[in-house]
Amino acid sequence: MVETIQWTDAGVVMIDQTRLPRVEEFVTCTTYEEMAHAIKTMVIRGAPAIGVAAAMGVALGVLKADPAQLDAEFEVICSTLAATRPTAVNLFWAIDRMKKLYTSMQGQPIEALREAMVKEAKLVYLEDIAINEAIGAHGAPLVPDGKTVLTHCNAGALATAGFGTALGVIRAAVNAGKNIDVFADETRPFLQGARLTVWELQQDNIPVKLITDNMAGHFLKSGRIGCVVVGADRIARNGDVANKVGTYGVAVLAKENGVPFYVAAPISTLDLTLDHGDQIPIEQRPSTEVTEVFGVPVAPENTQVENPAFDVTPNRYVTGIITEKGVARPPYEESLPRLAQE
């Protein structure tokens, strides 16, 4: 399985997801500014992976900060990382976790603080892998044997510290002996499905076929798809789910055709401060992602573009939300807070 991100003596090493699948290249970040740039430019992406990267970015910042200016620099470190991508709540969850540790160690020697921050960042990494494996264990029984699983975007090892959320469910089902294959939506405009999901599943020898986004309805109607499993970047208290743009359409088509639609995400992706999905901030990406493909123009010059990176799927289309603590079912206003408190 691919190593998405690692803390090393040389810095934080991550695979450059903008270069996959043609080039397997690794980037090393030695400062929090470099980490912020990697998150913003999607060298690393996926909500859980962004959370891990943010925690490591804070630790890098504290390692390099001037002890005499540490409090002021710490605020800059956290605000810089928080400004990278607005939708994935794991980013803010991880930064808040590092802030709490920093506050709890006020008055401690600088070396003790630095050691604790690095240890905490590594712990976020290790916990994420264990969480993903637990998600897989809870989700595997939901995957019908002998059927195809449809997924959108990439919610695999590349989107996490390892194993994956949606692809973690698929991996766990395969490991349990189920005879399944996968359809991966290409996921325009950034092609995470085509570039990342297909590549990742091929590494594990899991049968996968690539389809264009507008083929999803055709195959959902065909009867060969047993369920849809996707990840999430933020989930409101009522079960509305923000995920890669195009997810909403897949969810509607799944319900129309009686196909279960599951969301796999850690508890850290829940945002119980938001009553519903309309309150989730939606990131707007550069227009060139739509007008160009790998730098080649595919639209007339000066074409006006709207490019939201995410959409929100209303809870009525969500069959279940698979977390490391179990599967939440409607009504989500009751089941999600209950799981979060366990």
C-alpha atoms as a PDB file:
ATOM      1  CA  MET A   1       0.000   0.000   0.000  1.00  0.00           C
ATOM      2  CA  VAL A   2       1.279   3.477  -0.860  1.00  0.00           C
ATOM      3  CA  GLU A   3       2.853   5.628   1.877  1.00  0.00           C
ATOM      4  CA  THR A   4       1.038   8.950   1.611  1.00  0.00           C
ATOM      5  CA  ILE A   5       2.896  10.952   4.260  1.00  0.00           C
ATOM      6  CA  GLN A   6       5.677  10.234   6.749  1.00  0.00           C
ATOM      7  CA  TRP A   7       7.596  12.124   9.405  1.00  0.00           C
ATOM      8  CA  THR A   8      11.339  11.608   8.835  1.00  0.00           C
ATOM      9  CA  ASP A   9      14.576  13.144  10.103  1.00  0.00           C
ATOM     10  CA  ALA A  10      14.813  15.020   6.796  1.00  0.00           C
ATOM     11  CA  GLY A  11      11.306  16.504   7.082  1.00  0.00           C
ATOM     12  CA  VAL A  12       7.763  15.483   6.237  1.00  0.00           C
ATOM     13  CA  VAL A  13       7.873  13.325   3.111  1.00  0.00           C
ATOM     14  CA  MET A  14       4.768  12.879   0.977  1.00  0.00           C
ATOM     15  CA  ILE A  15       3.988  11.494  -2.441  1.00  0.00           C
ATOM     16  CA  ASP A  16       3.154  14.278  -4.916  1.00  0.00           C
ATOM     17  CA  GLN A  17      -0.428  13.489  -5.886  1.00  0.00           C
ATOM     18  CA  THR A  18      -0.423  16.094  -8.650  1.00  0.00           C
ATOM     19  CA  ARG A  19       2.112  13.966 -10.563  1.00  0.00           C
ATOM     20  CA  LEU A  20       0.370  10.606 -10.244  1.00  0.00           C
ATOM     21  CA  PRO A  21      -0.094   8.227 -11.951  1.00  0.00           C
ATOM     22  CA  ARG A  22       2.614   8.854 -14.532  1.00  0.00           C
ATOM     23  CA  VAL A  23       5.326   9.977 -12.114  1.00  0.00           C
ATOM     24  CA  GLU A  24       5.852   8.683  -8.572  1.00  0.00           C
ATOM     25  CA  GLU A  25       7.676  11.611  -7.014  1.00  0.00           C
ATOM     26  CA  PHE A  26       8.074  12.520  -3.352  1.00  0.00           C
ATOM     27  CA  VAL A  27       8.144  16.001  -1.841  1.00  0.00           C
ATOM     28  CA  THR A  28       9.908  16.851   1.428  1.00  0.00           C
ATOM     29  CA  CYS A  29       8.568  19.732   3.527  1.00  0.00           C
ATOM     30  CA  THR A  30      10.900  21.179   6.144  1.00  0.00           C
ATOM     31  CA  THR A  31       8.875  24.268   7.115  1.00  0.00           C
ATOM     32  CA  TYR A  32       5.236  24.999   7.869  1.00  0.00           C
ATOM     33  CA  GLU A  33       5.135  27.342   4.859  1.00  0.00           C
ATOM     34  CA  GLU A  34       6.123  24.477   2.563  1.00  0.00           C
ATOM     35  CA  MET A  35       3.481  22.305   4.183  1.00  0.00           C
ATOM     36  CA  ALA A  36       0.821  24.968   3.676  1.00  0.00           C
ATOM     37  CA  HIS A  37       1.784  25.235   0.010  1.00  0.00           C
ATOM     38  CA  ALA A  38       1.602  21.443  -0.397  1.00  0.00           C
ATOM     39  CA  ILE A  39      -1.917  21.383   1.061  1.00  0.00           C
ATOM     40  CA  LYS A  40      -3.143  24.345  -0.971  1.00  0.00           C
ATOM     41  CA  THR A  41      -1.782  23.032  -4.280  1.00  0.00           C
ATOM     42  CA  MET A  42      -3.101  19.504  -3.590  1.00  0.00           C
ATOM     43  CA  VAL A  43       0.289  17.826  -3.474  1.00  0.00           C
ATOM     44  CA  ILE A  44      -1.466  16.187  -0.548  1.00  0.00           C
ATOM     45  CA  ARG A  45      -5.267  16.009  -0.476  1.00  0.00           C
ATOM     46  CA  GLY A  46      -8.140  14.164   1.121  1.00  0.00           C
ATOM     47  CA  ALA A  47      -9.631  15.337   4.393  1.00  0.00           C
ATOM     48  CA  PRO A  48      -7.914  12.901   6.796  1.00  0.00           C
ATOM     49  CA  ALA A  49      -4.535  13.302   5.050  1.00  0.00           C
ATOM     50  CA  ILE A  50      -4.890  17.080   5.235  1.00  0.00           C
ATOM     51  CA  GLY A  51      -5.478  16.753   8.969  1.00  0.00           C
ATOM     52  CA  VAL A  52      -2.299  14.701   9.403  1.00  0.00           C
ATOM     53  CA  ALA A  53      -0.356  17.156   7.242  1.00  0.00           C
ATOM     54  CA  ALA A  54      -1.633  20.107   9.266  1.00  0.00           C
ATOM     55  CA  ALA A  55      -0.576  18.516  12.560  1.00  0.00           C
ATOM     56  CA  MET A  56       2.874  17.814  11.143  1.00  0.00           C
ATOM     57  CA  GLY A  57       3.019  21.344   9.716  1.00  0.00           C
ATOM     58  CA  VAL A  58       2.382  22.831  13.164  1.00  0.00           C
ATOM     59  CA  ALA A  59       5.115  20.632  14.616  1.00  0.00           C
ATOM     60  CA  LEU A  60       7.548  21.728  11.899  1.00  0.00           C
ATOM     61  CA  GLY A  61       6.729  25.340  12.665  1.00  0.00           C
ATOM     62  CA  VAL A  62       7.395  24.957  16.375  1.00  0.00           C
ATOM     63  CA  LEU A  63      10.698  23.197  15.668  1.00  0.00           C
ATOM     64  CA  LYS A  64      11.915  26.152  13.592  1.00  0.00           C
ATOM     65  CA  ALA A  65      10.331  29.014  15.563  1.00  0.00           C
ATOM     66  CA  ASP A  66      12.351  31.551  17.552  1.00  0.00           C
ATOM     67  CA  PRO A  67      11.793  30.676  21.237  1.00  0.00           C
ATOM     68  CA  ALA A  68      11.746  34.385  22.120  1.00  0.00           C
ATOM     69  CA  GLN A  69       8.831  34.982  19.727  1.00  0.00           C
ATOM     70  CA  LEU A  70       7.151  31.614  20.040  1.00  0.00           C
ATOM     71  CA  ASP A  71       3.633  32.650  21.044  1.00  0.00           C
ATOM     72  CA  ALA A  72       3.323  35.137  18.187  1.00  0.00           C
ATOM     73  CA  GLU A  73       4.893  32.764  15.681  1.00  0.00           C
ATOM     74  CA  PHE A  74       2.638  29.927  16.797  1.00  0.00           C
ATOM     75  CA  GLU A  75      -0.447  31.956  15.917  1.00  0.00           C
ATOM     76  CA  VAL A  76       0.996  32.693  12.461  1.00  0.00           C
ATOM     77  CA  ILE A  77       1.811  29.009  11.939  1.00  0.00           C
ATOM     78  CA  CYS A  78      -1.731  27.927  12.779  1.00  0.00           C
ATOM     79  CA  SER A  79      -3.463  30.694  10.816  1.00  0.00           C
ATOM     80  CA  THR A  80      -1.303  30.041   7.731  1.00  0.00           C
ATOM     81  CA  LEU A  81      -2.181  26.356   7.708  1.00  0.00           C
ATOM     82  CA  ALA A  82      -5.856  27.047   8.451  1.00  0.00           C
ATOM     83  CA  ALA A  83      -6.093  29.357   5.424  1.00  0.00           C
ATOM     84  CA  THR A  84      -5.134  26.656   2.912  1.00  0.00           C
ATOM     85  CA  ARG A  85      -8.451  24.863   2.257  1.00  0.00           C
ATOM     86  CA  PRO A  86     -11.785  25.839   3.825  1.00  0.00           C
ATOM     87  CA  THR A  87     -14.051  22.804   3.413  1.00  0.00           C
ATOM     88  CA  ALA A  88     -12.196  19.855   4.995  1.00  0.00           C
ATOM     89  CA  VAL A  89     -12.948  20.118   8.708  1.00  0.00           C
ATOM     90  CA  ASN A  90     -10.143  17.657   9.592  1.00  0.00           C
ATOM     91  CA  LEU A  91      -7.693  20.484   8.852  1.00  0.00           C
ATOM     92  CA  PHE A  92      -9.156  22.622  11.622  1.00  0.00           C
ATOM     93  CA  TRP A  93      -9.640  19.645  13.944  1.00  0.00           C
ATOM     94  CA  ALA A  94      -5.937  18.815  13.740  1.00  0.00           C
ATOM     95  CA  ILE A  95      -4.827  22.426  14.235  1.00  0.00           C
ATOM     96  CA  ASP A  96      -7.120  22.765  17.261  1.00  0.00           C
ATOM     97  CA  ARG A  97      -5.669  19.564  18.703  1.00  0.00           C
ATOM     98  CA  MET A  98      -2.145  20.949  18.369  1.00  0.00           C
ATOM     99  CA  LYS A  99      -3.265  24.269  19.876  1.00  0.00           C
ATOM    100  CA  LYS A 100      -4.652  22.520  22.947  1.00  0.00           C
ATOM    101  CA  LEU A 101      -1.383  20.701  23.482  1.00  0.00           C
ATOM    102  CA  TYR A 102       0.571  23.931  23.060  1.00  0.00           C
ATOM    103  CA  THR A 103      -1.617  25.694  25.619  1.00  0.00           C
ATOM    104  CA  SER A 104      -1.302  22.820  28.086  1.00  0.00           C
ATOM    105  CA  MET A 105       2.501  23.102  27.966  1.00  0.00           C
ATOM    106  CA  GLN A 106       2.827  26.795  28.681  1.00  0.00           C
ATOM    107  CA  GLY A 107       5.861  27.388  30.883  1.00  0.00           C
ATOM    108  CA  GLN A 108       7.580  24.150  29.892  1.00  0.00           C
ATOM    109  CA  PRO A 109      11.135  24.201  28.443  1.00  0.00           C
ATOM    110  CA  ILE A 110      11.228  24.745  24.679  1.00  0.00           C
ATOM    111  CA  GLU A 111      12.835  21.367  24.004  1.00  0.00           C
ATOM    112  CA  ALA A 112      10.106  19.586  25.941  1.00  0.00           C
ATOM    113  CA  LEU A 113       7.461  21.502  23.984  1.00  0.00           C
ATOM    114  CA  ARG A 114       9.051  20.687  20.645  1.00  0.00           C
ATOM    115  CA  GLU A 115       9.351  17.016  21.534  1.00  0.00           C
ATOM    116  CA  ALA A 116       5.700  16.903  22.598  1.00  0.00           C
ATOM    117  CA  MET A 117       4.486  18.588  19.411  1.00  0.00           C
ATOM    118  CA  VAL A 118       6.364  16.134  17.197  1.00  0.00           C
ATOM    119  CA  LYS A 119       5.095  13.208  19.268  1.00  0.00           C
ATOM    120  CA  GLU A 120       1.507  14.453  18.934  1.00  0.00           C
ATOM    121  CA  ALA A 121       1.785  14.886  15.166  1.00  0.00           C
ATOM    122  CA  LYS A 122       3.092  11.327  14.854  1.00  0.00           C
ATOM    123  CA  LEU A 123       0.208  10.152  17.048  1.00  0.00           C
ATOM    124  CA  VAL A 124      -2.339  11.819  14.736  1.00  0.00           C
ATOM    125  CA  TYR A 125      -0.756   9.839  11.892  1.00  0.00           C
ATOM    126  CA  LEU A 126      -0.877   6.494  13.707  1.00  0.00           C
ATOM    127  CA  GLU A 127      -4.405   7.055  14.982  1.00  0.00           C
ATOM    128  CA  ASP A 128      -5.616   7.833  11.466  1.00  0.00           C
ATOM    129  CA  ILE A 129      -4.439   4.485  10.131  1.00  0.00           C
ATOM    130  CA  ALA A 130      -6.120   2.633  13.002  1.00  0.00           C
ATOM    131  CA  ILE A 131      -9.310   4.646  12.497  1.00  0.00           C
ATOM    132  CA  ASN A 132      -9.396   3.791   8.786  1.00  0.00           C
ATOM    133  CA  GLU A 133      -8.971   0.102   9.521  1.00  0.00           C
ATOM    134  CA  ALA A 134     -11.875   0.287  11.979  1.00  0.00           C
ATOM    135  CA  ILE A 135     -14.014   2.050   9.361  1.00  0.00           C
ATOM    136  CA  GLY A 136     -13.206  -0.773   6.970  1.00  0.00           C
ATOM    137  CA  ALA A 137     -14.212  -3.392   9.517  1.00  0.00           C
ATOM    138  CA  HIS A 138     -17.579  -1.706  10.115  1.00  0.00           C
ATOM    139  CA  GLY A 139     -18.194  -1.122   6.409  1.00  0.00           C
ATOM    140  CA  ALA A 140     -17.177  -4.453   4.889  1.00  0.00           C
ATOM    141  CA  PRO A 141     -20.397  -6.282   5.928  1.00  0.00           C
ATOM    142  CA  LEU A 142     -22.430  -3.662   4.027  1.00  0.00           C
ATOM    143  CA  VAL A 143     -20.776  -4.468   0.680  1.00  0.00           C
ATOM    144  CA  PRO A 144     -22.796  -7.066  -1.295  1.00  0.00           C
ATOM    145  CA  ASP A 145     -20.798 -10.087  -2.426  1.00  0.00           C
ATOM    146  CA  GLY A 146     -20.574 -10.658  -6.175  1.00  0.00           C
ATOM    147  CA  LYS A 147     -21.405  -7.046  -7.030  1.00  0.00           C
ATOM    148  CA  THR A 148     -19.644  -3.890  -8.220  1.00  0.00           C
ATOM    149  CA  VAL A 149     -18.927  -0.981  -5.875  1.00  0.00           C
ATOM    150  CA  LEU A 150     -19.095   2.535  -7.323  1.00  0.00           C
ATOM    151  CA  THR A 151     -16.918   5.252  -5.797  1.00  0.00           C
ATOM    152  CA  HIS A 152     -16.357   8.915  -6.608  1.00  0.00           C
ATOM    153  CA  CYS A 153     -13.092  10.866  -6.205  1.00  0.00           C
ATOM    154  CA  ASN A 154     -10.344   9.266  -4.097  1.00  0.00           C
ATOM    155  CA  ALA A 155     -10.964   8.296  -0.482  1.00  0.00           C
ATOM    156  CA  GLY A 156      -8.198   5.747  -0.223  1.00  0.00           C
ATOM    157  CA  ALA A 157      -4.750   5.460   1.322  1.00  0.00           C
ATOM    158  CA  LEU A 158      -3.753   8.548  -0.689  1.00  0.00           C
ATOM    159  CA  ALA A 159      -6.453  10.597   1.037  1.00  0.00           C
ATOM    160  CA  THR A 160      -5.451   9.438   4.512  1.00  0.00           C
ATOM    161  CA  ALA A 161      -2.405   8.352   6.477  1.00  0.00           C
ATOM    162  CA  GLY A 162      -3.050   4.854   5.125  1.00  0.00           C
ATOM    163  CA  PHE A 163      -5.683   2.213   4.228  1.00  0.00           C
ATOM    164  CA  GLY A 164      -8.391   4.731   3.351  1.00  0.00           C
ATOM    165  CA  THR A 165     -12.002   5.444   4.232  1.00  0.00           C
ATOM    166  CA  ALA A 166     -14.179   4.518   1.237  1.00  0.00           C
ATOM    167  CA  LEU A 167     -11.409   2.413  -0.289  1.00  0.00           C
ATOM    168  CA  GLY A 168     -10.716   1.081   3.194  1.00  0.00           C
ATOM    169  CA  VAL A 169     -14.235  -0.375   3.176  1.00  0.00           C
ATOM    170  CA  ILE A 170     -13.514  -1.923  -0.221  1.00  0.00           C
ATOM    171  CA  ARG A 171     -10.137  -3.282   0.931  1.00  0.00           C
ATOM    172  CA  ALA A 172     -11.711  -4.777   4.044  1.00  0.00           C
ATOM    173  CA  ALA A 173     -14.451  -6.418   1.970  1.00  0.00           C
ATOM    174  CA  VAL A 174     -11.842  -7.945  -0.340  1.00  0.00           C
ATOM    175  CA  ASN A 175      -9.788  -9.103   2.653  1.00  0.00           C
ATOM    176  CA  ALA A 176     -12.947 -10.738   4.020  1.00  0.00           C
ATOM    177  CA  GLY A 177     -13.133 -12.856   0.874  1.00  0.00           C
ATOM    178  CA  LYS A 178     -15.883 -11.019  -0.973  1.00  0.00           C
ATOM    179  CA  ASN A 179     -15.848 -11.246  -4.755  1.00  0.00           C
ATOM    180  CA  ILE A 180     -16.240  -7.599  -5.761  1.00  0.00           C
ATOM    181  CA  ASP A 181     -14.913  -5.177  -8.308  1.00  0.00           C
ATOM    182  CA  VAL A 182     -14.925  -1.390  -8.458  1.00  0.00           C
ATOM    183  CA  PHE A 183     -16.142   1.308 -10.819  1.00  0.00           C
ATOM    184  CA  ALA A 184     -14.241   4.555 -10.301  1.00  0.00           C
ATOM    185  CA  ASP A 185     -15.743   7.809 -11.558  1.00  0.00           C
ATOM    186  CA  GLU A 186     -13.056   9.869 -13.287  1.00  0.00           C
ATOM    187  CA  THR A 187     -14.034  12.850 -11.061  1.00  0.00           C
ATOM    188  CA  ARG A 188     -13.684  15.931 -13.202  1.00  0.00           C
ATOM    189  CA  PRO A 189     -12.109  18.395 -13.215  1.00  0.00           C
ATOM    190  CA  PHE A 190      -9.086  17.267 -11.155  1.00  0.00           C
ATOM    191  CA  LEU A 191      -9.458  13.591 -12.143  1.00  0.00           C
ATOM    192  CA  GLN A 192      -8.803  12.130  -8.706  1.00  0.00           C
ATOM    193  CA  GLY A 193     -10.721   8.999  -9.654  1.00  0.00           C
ATOM    194  CA  ALA A 194      -8.889   8.467 -12.936  1.00  0.00           C
ATOM    195  CA  ARG A 195      -5.424   9.406 -11.673  1.00  0.00           C
ATOM    196  CA  LEU A 196      -5.482   8.243  -8.063  1.00  0.00           C
ATOM    197  CA  THR A 197      -8.233   5.732  -7.285  1.00  0.00           C
ATOM    198  CA  VAL A 198      -7.540   3.528 -10.293  1.00  0.00           C
ATOM    199  CA  TRP A 199      -3.786   3.667  -9.678  1.00  0.00           C
ATOM    200  CA  GLU A 200      -4.191   2.881  -5.975  1.00  0.00           C
ATOM    201  CA  LEU A 201      -6.508  -0.092  -6.515  1.00  0.00           C
ATOM    202  CA  GLN A 202      -4.207  -1.448  -9.210  1.00  0.00           C
ATOM    203  CA  GLN A 203      -1.372  -1.437  -6.670  1.00  0.00           C
ATOM    204  CA  ASP A 204      -3.474  -3.777  -4.513  1.00  0.00           C
ATOM    205  CA  ASN A 205      -4.656  -5.925  -7.438  1.00  0.00           C
ATOM    206  CA  ILE A 206      -8.298  -5.038  -6.767  1.00  0.00           C
ATOM    207  CA  PRO A 207     -10.298  -5.215 -10.027  1.00  0.00           C
ATOM    208  CA  VAL A 208     -11.250  -1.678 -11.091  1.00  0.00           C
ATOM    209  CA  LYS A 209     -12.725  -0.054 -14.167  1.00  0.00           C
ATOM    210  CA  LEU A 210     -12.678   3.653 -14.934  1.00  0.00           C
ATOM    211  CA  ILE A 211     -15.901   5.340 -16.054  1.00  0.00           C
ATOM    212  CA  THR A 212     -16.622   8.952 -16.918  1.00  0.00           C
ATOM    213  CA  ASP A 213     -18.733  10.876 -14.433  1.00  0.00           C
ATOM    214  CA  ASN A 214     -21.728  10.977 -16.750  1.00  0.00           C
ATOM    215  CA  MET A 215     -21.809   7.165 -17.031  1.00  0.00           C
ATOM    216  CA  ALA A 216     -22.758   6.690 -13.364  1.00  0.00           C
ATOM    217  CA  GLY A 217     -26.516   6.801 -14.003  1.00  0.00           C
ATOM    218  CA  HIS A 218     -26.266   4.229 -16.780  1.00  0.00           C
ATOM    219  CA  PHE A 219     -24.512   1.698 -14.565  1.00  0.00           C
ATOM    220  CA  LEU A 220     -26.606   2.403 -11.468  1.00  0.00           C
ATOM    221  CA  LYS A 221     -29.673   1.568 -13.540  1.00  0.00           C
ATOM    222  CA  SER A 222     -28.097  -1.639 -14.873  1.00  0.00           C
ATOM    223  CA  GLY A 223     -28.373  -3.587 -11.616  1.00  0.00           C
ATOM    224  CA  ARG A 224     -24.700  -4.573 -11.454  1.00  0.00           C
ATOM    225  CA  ILE A 225     -23.768  -2.007  -8.785  1.00  0.00           C
ATOM    226  CA  GLY A 226     -24.393  -3.293  -5.266  1.00  0.00           C
ATOM    227  CA  CYS A 227     -23.602  -0.073  -3.411  1.00  0.00           C
ATOM    228  CA  VAL A 228     -21.915   3.308  -3.632  1.00  0.00           C
ATOM    229  CA  VAL A 229     -19.197   4.166  -1.105  1.00  0.00           C
ATOM    230  CA  VAL A 230     -17.649   7.640  -0.950  1.00  0.00           C
ATOM    231  CA  GLY A 231     -15.623   9.681   1.530  1.00  0.00           C
ATOM    232  CA  ALA A 232     -16.434  13.069   3.043  1.00  0.00           C
ATOM    233  CA  ASP A 233     -14.741  16.364   3.831  1.00  0.00           C
ATOM    234  CA  ARG A 234     -17.310  17.637   6.330  1.00  0.00           C
ATOM    235  CA  ILE A 235     -20.545  16.209   7.732  1.00  0.00           C
ATOM    236  CA  ALA A 236     -23.135  18.414   9.411  1.00  0.00           C
ATOM    237  CA  ARG A 237     -25.106  17.383  12.499  1.00  0.00           C
ATOM    238  CA  ASN A 238     -28.143  16.408  10.393  1.00  0.00           C
ATOM    239  CA  GLY A 239     -26.106  14.082   8.155  1.00  0.00           C
ATOM    240  CA  ASP A 240     -25.705  16.396   5.165  1.00  0.00           C
ATOM    241  CA  VAL A 241     -22.364  15.496   3.574  1.00  0.00           C
ATOM    242  CA  ALA A 242     -19.835  17.680   1.771  1.00  0.00           C
ATOM    243  CA  ASN A 243     -17.680  15.670  -0.614  1.00  0.00           C
ATOM    244  CA  LYS A 244     -16.014  16.140  -3.982  1.00  0.00           C
ATOM    245  CA  VAL A 245     -18.268  17.910  -6.462  1.00  0.00           C
ATOM    246  CA  GLY A 246     -20.382  15.385  -8.359  1.00  0.00           C
ATOM    247  CA  THR A 247     -21.146  13.300  -5.282  1.00  0.00           C
ATOM    248  CA  TYR A 248     -24.629  14.804  -4.938  1.00  0.00           C
ATOM    249  CA  GLY A 249     -25.578  13.693  -8.446  1.00  0.00           C
ATOM    250  CA  VAL A 250     -24.344  10.162  -7.790  1.00  0.00           C
ATOM    251  CA  ALA A 251     -26.372  10.025  -4.571  1.00  0.00           C
ATOM    252  CA  VAL A 252     -29.573  11.111  -6.328  1.00  0.00           C
ATOM    253  CA  LEU A 253     -29.053   8.525  -9.065  1.00  0.00           C
ATOM    254  CA  ALA A 254     -28.337   5.829  -6.493  1.00  0.00           C
ATOM    255  CA  LYS A 255     -31.570   6.509  -4.614  1.00  0.00           C
ATOM    256  CA  GLU A 256     -33.581   6.623  -7.852  1.00  0.00           C
ATOM    257  CA  ASN A 257     -32.278   3.147  -8.684  1.00  0.00           C
ATOM    258  CA  GLY A 258     -32.520   1.641  -5.199  1.00  0.00           C
ATOM    259  CA  VAL A 259     -28.765   1.359  -4.660  1.00  0.00           C
ATOM    260  CA  PRO A 260     -27.469   1.953  -1.105  1.00  0.00           C
ATOM    261  CA  PHE A 261     -25.304   5.064  -0.787  1.00  0.00           C
ATOM    262  CA  TYR A 262     -22.743   4.976   2.027  1.00  0.00           C
ATOM    263  CA  VAL A 263     -20.365   7.637   3.308  1.00  0.00           C
ATOM    264  CA  ALA A 264     -17.166   6.466   5.028  1.00  0.00           C
ATOM    265  CA  ALA A 265     -15.485   9.029   7.261  1.00  0.00           C
ATOM    266  CA  PRO A 266     -13.838   9.341  10.681  1.00  0.00           C
ATOM    267  CA  ILE A 267     -15.559  11.021  13.616  1.00  0.00           C
ATOM    268  CA  SER A 268     -13.151  13.950  13.125  1.00  0.00           C
ATOM    269  CA  THR A 269     -14.985  14.759   9.875  1.00  0.00           C
ATOM    270  CA  LEU A 270     -18.200  15.456  11.770  1.00  0.00           C
ATOM    271  CA  ASP A 271     -18.926  19.125  12.376  1.00  0.00           C
ATOM    272  CA  LEU A 272     -21.652  19.042  14.994  1.00  0.00           C
ATOM    273  CA  THR A 273     -21.540  22.849  15.268  1.00  0.00           C
ATOM    274  CA  LEU A 274     -23.337  23.034  11.897  1.00  0.00           C
ATOM    275  CA  ASP A 275     -27.059  22.237  11.853  1.00  0.00           C
ATOM    276  CA  HIS A 276     -27.161  21.459   8.122  1.00  0.00           C
ATOM    277  CA  GLY A 277     -25.063  21.320   4.989  1.00  0.00           C
ATOM    278  CA  ASP A 278     -25.943  24.779   3.703  1.00  0.00           C
ATOM    279  CA  GLN A 279     -23.614  26.132   6.395  1.00  0.00           C
ATOM    280  CA  ILE A 280     -20.581  24.255   5.060  1.00  0.00           C
ATOM    281  CA  PRO A 281     -18.091  26.552   3.282  1.00  0.00           C
ATOM    282  CA  ILE A 282     -17.426  25.435  -0.293  1.00  0.00           C
ATOM    283  CA  GLU A 283     -13.939  25.952  -1.708  1.00  0.00           C
ATOM    284  CA  GLN A 284     -13.686  27.553  -5.142  1.00  0.00           C
ATOM    285  CA  ARG A 285     -10.795  26.275  -7.256  1.00  0.00           C
ATOM    286  CA  PRO A 286      -8.923  27.950 -10.156  1.00  0.00           C
ATOM    287  CA  SER A 287     -10.753  28.180 -13.490  1.00  0.00           C
ATOM    288  CA  THR A 288      -7.818  26.580 -15.328  1.00  0.00           C
ATOM    289  CA  GLU A 289      -8.719  23.225 -13.742  1.00  0.00           C
ATOM    290  CA  VAL A 290     -11.837  23.313 -15.940  1.00  0.00           C
ATOM    291  CA  THR A 291     -10.564  25.052 -19.052  1.00  0.00           C
ATOM    292  CA  GLU A 292      -7.354  23.006 -19.294  1.00  0.00           C
ATOM    293  CA  VAL A 293      -6.390  19.343 -18.970  1.00  0.00           C
ATOM    294  CA  PHE A 294      -2.749  18.952 -17.916  1.00  0.00           C
ATOM    295  CA  GLY A 295      -2.002  22.395 -19.312  1.00  0.00           C
ATOM    296  CA  VAL A 296      -3.735  21.818 -22.656  1.00  0.00           C
ATOM    297  CA  PRO A 297      -6.652  24.220 -23.290  1.00  0.00           C
ATOM    298  CA  VAL A 298      -9.967  22.466 -23.948  1.00  0.00           C
ATOM    299  CA  ALA A 299     -12.227  25.538 -23.954  1.00  0.00           C
ATOM    300  CA  PRO A 300     -12.235  28.815 -25.898  1.00  0.00           C
ATOM    301  CA  GLU A 301      -9.997  31.565 -24.600  1.00  0.00           C
ATOM    302  CA  ASN A 302     -11.581  33.815 -21.939  1.00  0.00           C
ATOM    303  CA  THR A 303     -14.258  31.224 -21.089  1.00  0.00           C
ATOM    304  CA  GLN A 304     -16.000  32.110 -17.827  1.00  0.00           C
ATOM    305  CA  VAL A 305     -15.932  29.292 -15.269  1.00  0.00           C
ATOM    306  CA  GLU A 306     -17.528  28.222 -12.001  1.00  0.00           C
ATOM    307  CA  ASN A 307     -15.408  25.626 -10.214  1.00  0.00           C
ATOM    308  CA  PRO A 308     -16.673  24.589  -6.757  1.00  0.00           C
ATOM    309  CA  ALA A 309     -14.482  21.819  -5.388  1.00  0.00           C
ATOM    310  CA  PHE A 310     -17.290  20.252  -3.361  1.00  0.00           C
ATOM    311  CA  ASP A 311     -21.047  19.825  -3.257  1.00  0.00           C
ATOM    312  CA  VAL A 312     -23.372  18.902  -0.406  1.00  0.00           C
ATOM    313  CA  THR A 313     -25.459  15.735  -0.490  1.00  0.00           C
ATOM    314  CA  PRO A 314     -28.655  16.100   1.597  1.00  0.00           C
ATOM    315  CA  ASN A 315     -29.078  13.465   4.297  1.00  0.00           C
ATOM    316  CA  ARG A 316     -32.156  11.941   2.657  1.00  0.00           C
ATOM    317  CA  TYR A 317     -29.894  10.363   0.041  1.00  0.00           C
ATOM    318  CA  VAL A 318     -27.446   8.870   2.560  1.00  0.00           C
ATOM    319  CA  THR A 319     -28.162   5.258   3.551  1.00  0.00           C
ATOM    320  CA  GLY A 320     -25.539   5.180   6.285  1.00  0.00           C
ATOM    321  CA  ILE A 321     -22.410   6.943   7.532  1.00  0.00           C
ATOM    322  CA  ILE A 322     -19.607   4.498   8.339  1.00  0.00           C
ATOM    323  CA  THR A 323     -17.273   5.674  11.121  1.00  0.00           C
ATOM    324  CA  GLU A 324     -14.622   4.017  13.255  1.00  0.00           C
ATOM    325  CA  LYS A 325     -17.205   3.723  16.040  1.00  0.00           C
ATOM    326  CA  GLY A 326     -19.923   2.119  13.962  1.00  0.00           C
ATOM    327  CA  VAL A 327     -22.496   2.919  11.283  1.00  0.00           C
ATOM    328  CA  ALA A 328     -24.815   5.874  11.812  1.00  0.00           C
ATOM    329  CA  ARG A 329     -28.321   5.572  10.372  1.00  0.00           C
ATOM    330  CA  PRO A 330     -31.151   8.093  10.063  1.00  0.00           C
ATOM    331  CA  PRO A 331     -32.194  10.117  11.943  1.00  0.00           C
ATOM    332  CA  TYR A 332     -28.656  11.465  11.903  1.00  0.00           C
ATOM    333  CA  GLU A 333     -29.429  14.261  14.367  1.00  0.00           C
ATOM    334  CA  GLU A 334     -29.622  11.480  16.940  1.00  0.00           C
ATOM    335  CA  SER A 335     -27.152   8.854  15.702  1.00  0.00           C
ATOM    336  CA  LEU A 336     -24.179  11.103  14.847  1.00  0.00           C
ATOM    337  CA  PRO A 337     -23.922  12.923  18.205  1.00  0.00           C
ATOM    338  CA  ARG A 338     -24.369   9.593  19.967  1.00  0.00           C
ATOM    339  CA  LEU A 339     -21.477   8.015  18.055  1.00  0.00           C
ATOM    340  CA  ALA A 340     -19.302  11.091  18.601  1.00  0.00           C
ATOM    341  CA  GLN A 341     -19.751  10.811  22.363  1.00  0.00           C
ATOM    342  CA  GLU A 342     -18.924   7.092  22.606  1.00  0.00           C
END
